[in-house]
Amino acid sequence: MLKKIVLLLCIGLASCSGVEVQTYQQATPALDLRQFFEGKVEAWGMFQKRSGEVVRRFYVDIHGYSEGENLILDESFTYDDGSTQKRVWTLTPTGDGKWRGTAGDVVGEALGEVSGNTFRWRYVLSLPVDGKVYDVHLDDWMYLIDENTMANRSFMTKFGFEVGQITLFFRKQP
């Protein structure tokens, strides 16, 4: 019993630590989410197991546009095995650099915040794996490198334990 309590305390403490998005409030260039994603954006990435093994690589073609106050991101994924996937995000600004969003395979609402050159985006994704669907938590950290380039690190967890990471690079097209 004592071991279980200690384990739960360690998990709780680990989830409370970490960097906050406001750490980057002075970082430049300043990220304007709408400006970066409107138009055509291409992205390349990979998924790694928690061991570090790369198990999936992918390319994403993104078409971003405004619809009223919403920013729509129409994403088309092509994976290294030839399979494809589509995701359409609807992002809505809520003030003070904060955003909320929805997509067909996202459980509930995604919540995000921009500070300086950084966007932190958290959500639960319904992820199909080998004929089953798992709800996993994603904690995305996007960093604007220059006006046309963004790097993204995503941490994927299930029951508070890391199951993998996603590394992704975005390039805004002319």
Protein backbone atom coordinates (compact mmCIF):
# COMPACT_ATOMS: atom_id res chain seq x y z
CA MET A 1 0.00 0.00 0.00
CA LEU A 2 2.80 2.40 0.92
CA LYS A 3 4.47 1.75 -2.45
CA LYS A 4 1.25 2.71 -4.25
CA ILE A 5 0.96 5.95 -2.29
CA VAL A 6 4.60 6.86 -3.00
CA LEU A 7 4.11 6.07 -6.71
CA LEU A 8 0.98 8.26 -6.89
CA LEU A 9 2.80 11.09 -5.10
CA CYS A 10 5.71 10.88 -7.57
CA ILE A 11 3.33 10.95 -10.53
CA GLY A 12 1.48 13.93 -9.03
CA LEU A 13 4.69 15.85 -8.40
CA ALA A 14 6.03 15.12 -11.88
CA SER A 15 2.84 16.43 -13.47
CA CYS A 16 3.15 19.70 -11.50
CA SER A 17 6.69 20.45 -12.62
CA GLY A 18 7.81 21.82 -15.95
CA VAL A 19 8.07 24.95 -18.01
CA GLU A 20 5.14 27.30 -18.49
CA VAL A 21 4.47 28.98 -21.84
CA GLN A 22 5.00 32.44 -20.24
CA THR A 23 8.69 31.53 -19.92
CA TYR A 24 8.94 32.48 -23.62
CA GLN A 25 7.07 35.80 -23.49
CA GLN A 26 10.19 37.76 -24.53
CA ALA A 27 11.32 35.24 -27.19
CA THR A 28 11.33 36.45 -30.78
CA PRO A 29 10.15 36.43 -33.43
CA ALA A 30 6.70 36.82 -31.89
CA LEU A 31 4.26 34.16 -33.07
CA ASP A 32 1.03 35.26 -34.71
CA LEU A 33 -0.78 31.95 -35.10
CA ARG A 34 -3.20 33.20 -37.75
CA GLN A 35 -0.46 34.87 -39.80
CA PHE A 36 1.71 31.75 -39.73
CA PHE A 37 -0.99 29.22 -40.61
CA GLU A 38 -3.10 31.14 -43.15
CA GLY A 39 -2.28 29.91 -46.63
CA LYS A 40 -0.26 26.81 -47.45
CA VAL A 41 2.00 25.20 -44.85
CA GLU A 42 3.92 21.95 -45.22
CA ALA A 43 5.13 19.83 -42.33
CA TRP A 44 7.36 16.80 -41.85
CA GLY A 45 7.50 14.69 -38.73
CA MET A 46 7.98 11.41 -36.91
CA PHE A 47 6.54 9.49 -33.99
CA GLN A 48 8.91 7.87 -31.51
CA LYS A 49 8.11 5.33 -28.82
CA ARG A 50 9.18 6.29 -25.33
CA SER A 51 12.33 4.18 -25.92
CA GLY A 52 13.30 6.63 -28.69
CA GLU A 53 12.65 4.21 -31.56
CA VAL A 54 11.18 5.97 -34.62
CA VAL A 55 8.10 3.96 -35.62
CA ARG A 56 6.32 6.28 -38.02
CA ARG A 57 7.26 9.17 -40.31
CA PHE A 58 4.80 11.48 -42.04
CA TYR A 59 4.22 14.52 -44.23
CA VAL A 60 1.36 17.00 -43.69
CA ASP A 61 -0.13 19.36 -46.25
CA ILE A 62 -1.96 22.14 -44.37
CA HIS A 63 -4.35 24.67 -45.85
CA GLY A 64 -5.20 27.40 -43.32
CA TYR A 65 -7.87 30.04 -43.70
CA SER A 66 -10.07 32.34 -41.63
CA GLU A 67 -13.77 31.80 -41.29
CA GLY A 68 -15.10 34.70 -39.24
CA GLU A 69 -13.05 34.79 -36.05
CA ASN A 70 -12.07 31.11 -36.46
CA LEU A 71 -8.84 29.82 -37.93
CA ILE A 72 -9.43 26.61 -39.91
CA LEU A 73 -6.52 24.21 -40.44
CA ASP A 74 -7.33 21.58 -43.05
CA GLU A 75 -4.59 18.94 -42.61
CA SER A 76 -3.87 16.01 -44.96
CA PHE A 77 -1.40 13.45 -43.59
CA THR A 78 0.60 10.96 -45.66
CA TYR A 79 2.49 8.31 -43.66
CA ASP A 80 5.61 6.39 -44.62
CA ASP A 81 3.55 3.22 -45.15
CA GLY A 82 1.40 5.03 -47.76
CA SER A 83 -1.67 5.43 -45.52
CA THR A 84 -3.41 8.80 -45.32
CA GLN A 85 -5.45 10.70 -42.75
CA LYS A 86 -7.41 13.94 -42.66
CA ARG A 87 -7.92 16.30 -39.71
CA VAL A 88 -9.69 19.66 -39.79
CA TRP A 89 -9.06 21.92 -36.81
CA THR A 90 -11.33 24.84 -35.94
CA LEU A 91 -9.38 27.21 -33.68
CA THR A 92 -11.05 30.11 -31.92
CA PRO A 93 -9.18 32.93 -30.15
CA THR A 94 -10.47 33.56 -26.63
CA GLY A 95 -8.32 36.60 -25.76
CA ASP A 96 -4.91 37.22 -24.17
CA GLY A 97 -3.14 34.83 -26.56
CA LYS A 98 -5.41 31.94 -25.61
CA TRP A 99 -7.09 29.63 -28.12
CA ARG A 100 -9.54 26.75 -28.00
CA GLY A 101 -10.08 24.25 -30.76
CA THR A 102 -11.93 21.20 -32.00
CA ALA A 103 -11.31 18.48 -34.56
CA GLY A 104 -13.14 15.26 -35.44
CA ASP A 105 -10.69 12.96 -33.62
CA VAL A 106 -10.16 15.25 -30.62
CA VAL A 107 -12.09 14.42 -27.44
CA GLY A 108 -13.73 17.60 -26.13
CA GLU A 109 -11.83 20.82 -26.65
CA ALA A 110 -8.16 21.58 -27.14
CA LEU A 111 -6.75 24.48 -25.15
CA GLY A 112 -3.74 26.54 -26.11
CA GLU A 113 -1.82 29.70 -25.40
CA VAL A 114 0.68 31.81 -27.34
CA SER A 115 3.50 33.61 -25.53
CA GLY A 116 6.41 35.19 -27.38
CA ASN A 117 7.50 32.76 -30.10
CA THR A 118 5.79 29.76 -28.48
CA PHE A 119 2.39 28.05 -28.68
CA ARG A 120 1.45 25.37 -26.13
CA TRP A 121 -1.49 23.23 -27.24
CA ARG A 122 -3.06 20.50 -25.05
CA TYR A 123 -5.77 18.02 -26.00
CA VAL A 124 -6.97 14.42 -25.93
CA LEU A 125 -6.73 12.57 -29.24
CA SER A 126 -8.59 9.38 -30.20
CA LEU A 127 -5.74 7.41 -31.73
CA PRO A 128 -6.40 4.25 -33.78
CA VAL A 129 -3.72 1.57 -33.27
CA ASP A 130 -3.97 -2.00 -34.60
CA GLY A 131 -7.77 -1.98 -34.83
CA LYS A 132 -8.33 -0.35 -31.42
CA VAL A 133 -8.81 3.30 -30.49
CA TYR A 134 -6.98 4.81 -27.52
CA ASP A 135 -7.57 8.23 -25.99
CA VAL A 136 -4.15 9.78 -25.42
CA HIS A 137 -3.18 13.17 -24.01
CA LEU A 138 -1.00 15.42 -26.16
CA ASP A 139 1.05 18.34 -24.93
CA ASP A 140 2.30 20.18 -28.04
CA TRP A 141 5.02 22.83 -27.84
CA MET A 142 5.45 24.85 -31.05
CA TYR A 143 8.38 27.27 -31.41
CA LEU A 144 8.57 29.86 -34.20
CA ILE A 145 12.16 29.76 -35.51
CA ASP A 146 11.77 32.44 -38.19
CA GLU A 147 8.80 33.92 -40.05
CA ASN A 148 8.44 30.77 -42.20
CA THR A 149 9.67 27.95 -39.93
CA MET A 150 8.23 26.37 -36.79
CA ALA A 151 9.45 23.39 -34.75
CA ASN A 152 7.04 21.26 -32.71
CA ARG A 153 7.64 18.74 -29.89
CA SER A 154 4.65 16.78 -28.66
CA PHE A 155 4.55 14.57 -25.61
CA MET A 156 1.96 11.80 -25.69
CA THR A 157 0.75 10.27 -22.42
CA LYS A 158 -1.77 7.67 -21.28
CA PHE A 159 -2.73 7.44 -17.59
CA GLY A 160 0.01 9.99 -16.85
CA PHE A 161 2.78 7.89 -18.39
CA GLU A 162 4.64 8.91 -21.53
CA VAL A 163 3.95 6.57 -24.45
CA GLY A 164 5.81 8.53 -27.11
CA GLN A 165 6.86 11.80 -28.67
CA ILE A 166 6.16 13.54 -31.95
CA THR A 167 8.69 15.83 -33.59
CA LEU A 168 7.38 18.01 -36.40
CA PHE A 169 8.74 20.84 -38.55
CA PHE A 170 6.44 23.34 -40.30
CA ARG A 171 7.40 25.44 -43.31
CA LYS A 172 5.11 28.24 -44.53
CA GLN A 173 4.92 28.26 -48.32
CA PRO A 174 4.93 31.43 -50.47
